[in-house]
């Protein structure tokens, strides 16, 4: 199993709220200096079910989209 988290529940909930507000998990994780995996885990734990479903769906779509440059 992983190591214990050094982040409080309040911090995790705030990170989830920021991700939901921005609609971009990767960008939010980068801004907070945490991994996408951590933020995804927190969203599953603390996110609202319907908002979570929409946010994860948008995240998957963005990951699957070709990089434009």
C-alpha atoms as a PDB file:
ATOM      1  CA  UNK A   1       0.000   0.000   0.000  1.00  0.00           C
ATOM      2  CA  UNK A   2       1.066   3.639  -0.427  1.00  0.00           C
ATOM      3  CA  UNK A   3       2.499   5.879   2.191  1.00  0.00           C
ATOM      4  CA  UNK A   4       0.253   7.943   4.456  1.00  0.00           C
ATOM      5  CA  UNK A   5      -0.863  11.274   3.025  1.00  0.00           C
ATOM      6  CA  UNK A   6       0.625  14.477   4.345  1.00  0.00           C
ATOM      7  CA  UNK A   7      -2.396  16.443   3.143  1.00  0.00           C
ATOM      8  CA  UNK A   8      -5.379  17.193   5.362  1.00  0.00           C
ATOM      9  CA  UNK A   9      -8.896  16.216   4.404  1.00  0.00           C
ATOM     10  CA  UNK A  10      -9.767  19.911   4.095  1.00  0.00           C
ATOM     11  CA  UNK A  11      -6.930  20.428   1.600  1.00  0.00           C
ATOM     12  CA  UNK A  12      -8.061  17.414  -0.432  1.00  0.00           C
ATOM     13  CA  UNK A  13     -11.649  18.655  -0.504  1.00  0.00           C
ATOM     14  CA  UNK A  14     -10.473  22.094  -1.648  1.00  0.00           C
ATOM     15  CA  UNK A  15      -8.365  20.504  -4.407  1.00  0.00           C
ATOM     16  CA  UNK A  16     -11.422  18.530  -5.559  1.00  0.00           C
ATOM     17  CA  UNK A  17     -13.513  21.715  -5.563  1.00  0.00           C
ATOM     18  CA  UNK A  18     -10.857  23.523  -7.621  1.00  0.00           C
ATOM     19  CA  UNK A  19     -10.734  20.674 -10.136  1.00  0.00           C
ATOM     20  CA  UNK A  20     -14.521  20.699 -10.442  1.00  0.00           C
ATOM     21  CA  UNK A  21     -14.571  24.472 -10.901  1.00  0.00           C
ATOM     22  CA  UNK A  22     -11.847  24.471 -13.538  1.00  0.00           C
ATOM     23  CA  UNK A  23     -13.046  21.330 -15.287  1.00  0.00           C
ATOM     24  CA  UNK A  24      -9.425  20.283 -15.830  1.00  0.00           C
ATOM     25  CA  UNK A  25      -7.892  17.722 -13.488  1.00  0.00           C
ATOM     26  CA  UNK A  26      -4.385  17.800 -14.975  1.00  0.00           C
ATOM     27  CA  UNK A  27      -4.130  21.587 -14.873  1.00  0.00           C
ATOM     28  CA  UNK A  28      -5.401  21.695 -11.294  1.00  0.00           C
ATOM     29  CA  UNK A  29      -2.962  18.990 -10.182  1.00  0.00           C
ATOM     30  CA  UNK A  30      -0.039  20.858 -11.788  1.00  0.00           C
ATOM     31  CA  UNK A  31      -1.093  24.131 -10.172  1.00  0.00           C
ATOM     32  CA  UNK A  32      -1.249  22.441  -6.756  1.00  0.00           C
ATOM     33  CA  UNK A  33       1.991  20.495  -7.232  1.00  0.00           C
ATOM     34  CA  UNK A  34       0.363  17.098  -6.794  1.00  0.00           C
ATOM     35  CA  UNK A  35       0.085  14.078  -9.079  1.00  0.00           C
ATOM     36  CA  UNK A  36      -2.909  13.437 -11.311  1.00  0.00           C
ATOM     37  CA  UNK A  37      -3.233  10.061  -9.597  1.00  0.00           C
ATOM     38  CA  UNK A  38      -3.588  11.701  -6.184  1.00  0.00           C
ATOM     39  CA  UNK A  39      -6.173  14.170  -7.407  1.00  0.00           C
ATOM     40  CA  UNK A  40      -8.161  11.431  -9.170  1.00  0.00           C
ATOM     41  CA  UNK A  41      -8.147   9.430  -5.943  1.00  0.00           C
ATOM     42  CA  UNK A  42      -9.330  12.424  -3.932  1.00  0.00           C
ATOM     43  CA  UNK A  43     -12.090  13.122  -6.456  1.00  0.00           C
ATOM     44  CA  UNK A  44     -13.333   9.548  -6.109  1.00  0.00           C
ATOM     45  CA  UNK A  45     -13.302   9.881  -2.326  1.00  0.00           C
ATOM     46  CA  UNK A  46     -14.607  13.434  -1.822  1.00  0.00           C
ATOM     47  CA  UNK A  47     -16.316  14.444  -5.079  1.00  0.00           C
ATOM     48  CA  UNK A  48     -20.040  14.660  -5.630  1.00  0.00           C
ATOM     49  CA  UNK A  49     -21.131  11.639  -7.706  1.00  0.00           C
ATOM     50  CA  UNK A  50     -22.659  13.490 -10.693  1.00  0.00           C
ATOM     51  CA  UNK A  51     -19.984  16.210 -10.818  1.00  0.00           C
ATOM     52  CA  UNK A  52     -17.339  13.516 -10.440  1.00  0.00           C
ATOM     53  CA  UNK A  53     -18.708  11.549 -13.374  1.00  0.00           C
ATOM     54  CA  UNK A  54     -18.729  14.637 -15.621  1.00  0.00           C
ATOM     55  CA  UNK A  55     -15.264  15.748 -14.557  1.00  0.00           C
ATOM     56  CA  UNK A  56     -13.666  12.338 -15.071  1.00  0.00           C
ATOM     57  CA  UNK A  57     -15.382  12.004 -18.450  1.00  0.00           C
ATOM     58  CA  UNK A  58     -13.971  15.376 -19.596  1.00  0.00           C
ATOM     59  CA  UNK A  59     -10.543  14.390 -18.280  1.00  0.00           C
ATOM     60  CA  UNK A  60     -10.597  11.146 -20.282  1.00  0.00           C
ATOM     61  CA  UNK A  61     -11.675  13.012 -23.426  1.00  0.00           C
ATOM     62  CA  UNK A  62      -8.845  15.512 -23.032  1.00  0.00           C
ATOM     63  CA  UNK A  63      -6.303  12.722 -22.520  1.00  0.00           C
ATOM     64  CA  UNK A  64      -7.502  10.945 -25.658  1.00  0.00           C
ATOM     65  CA  UNK A  65      -7.479  14.071 -27.841  1.00  0.00           C
ATOM     66  CA  UNK A  66      -4.482  14.512 -30.135  1.00  0.00           C
ATOM     67  CA  UNK A  67      -1.974  17.160 -29.114  1.00  0.00           C
ATOM     68  CA  UNK A  68      -2.198  20.160 -31.385  1.00  0.00           C
ATOM     69  CA  UNK A  69       0.852  22.261 -31.902  1.00  0.00           C
END
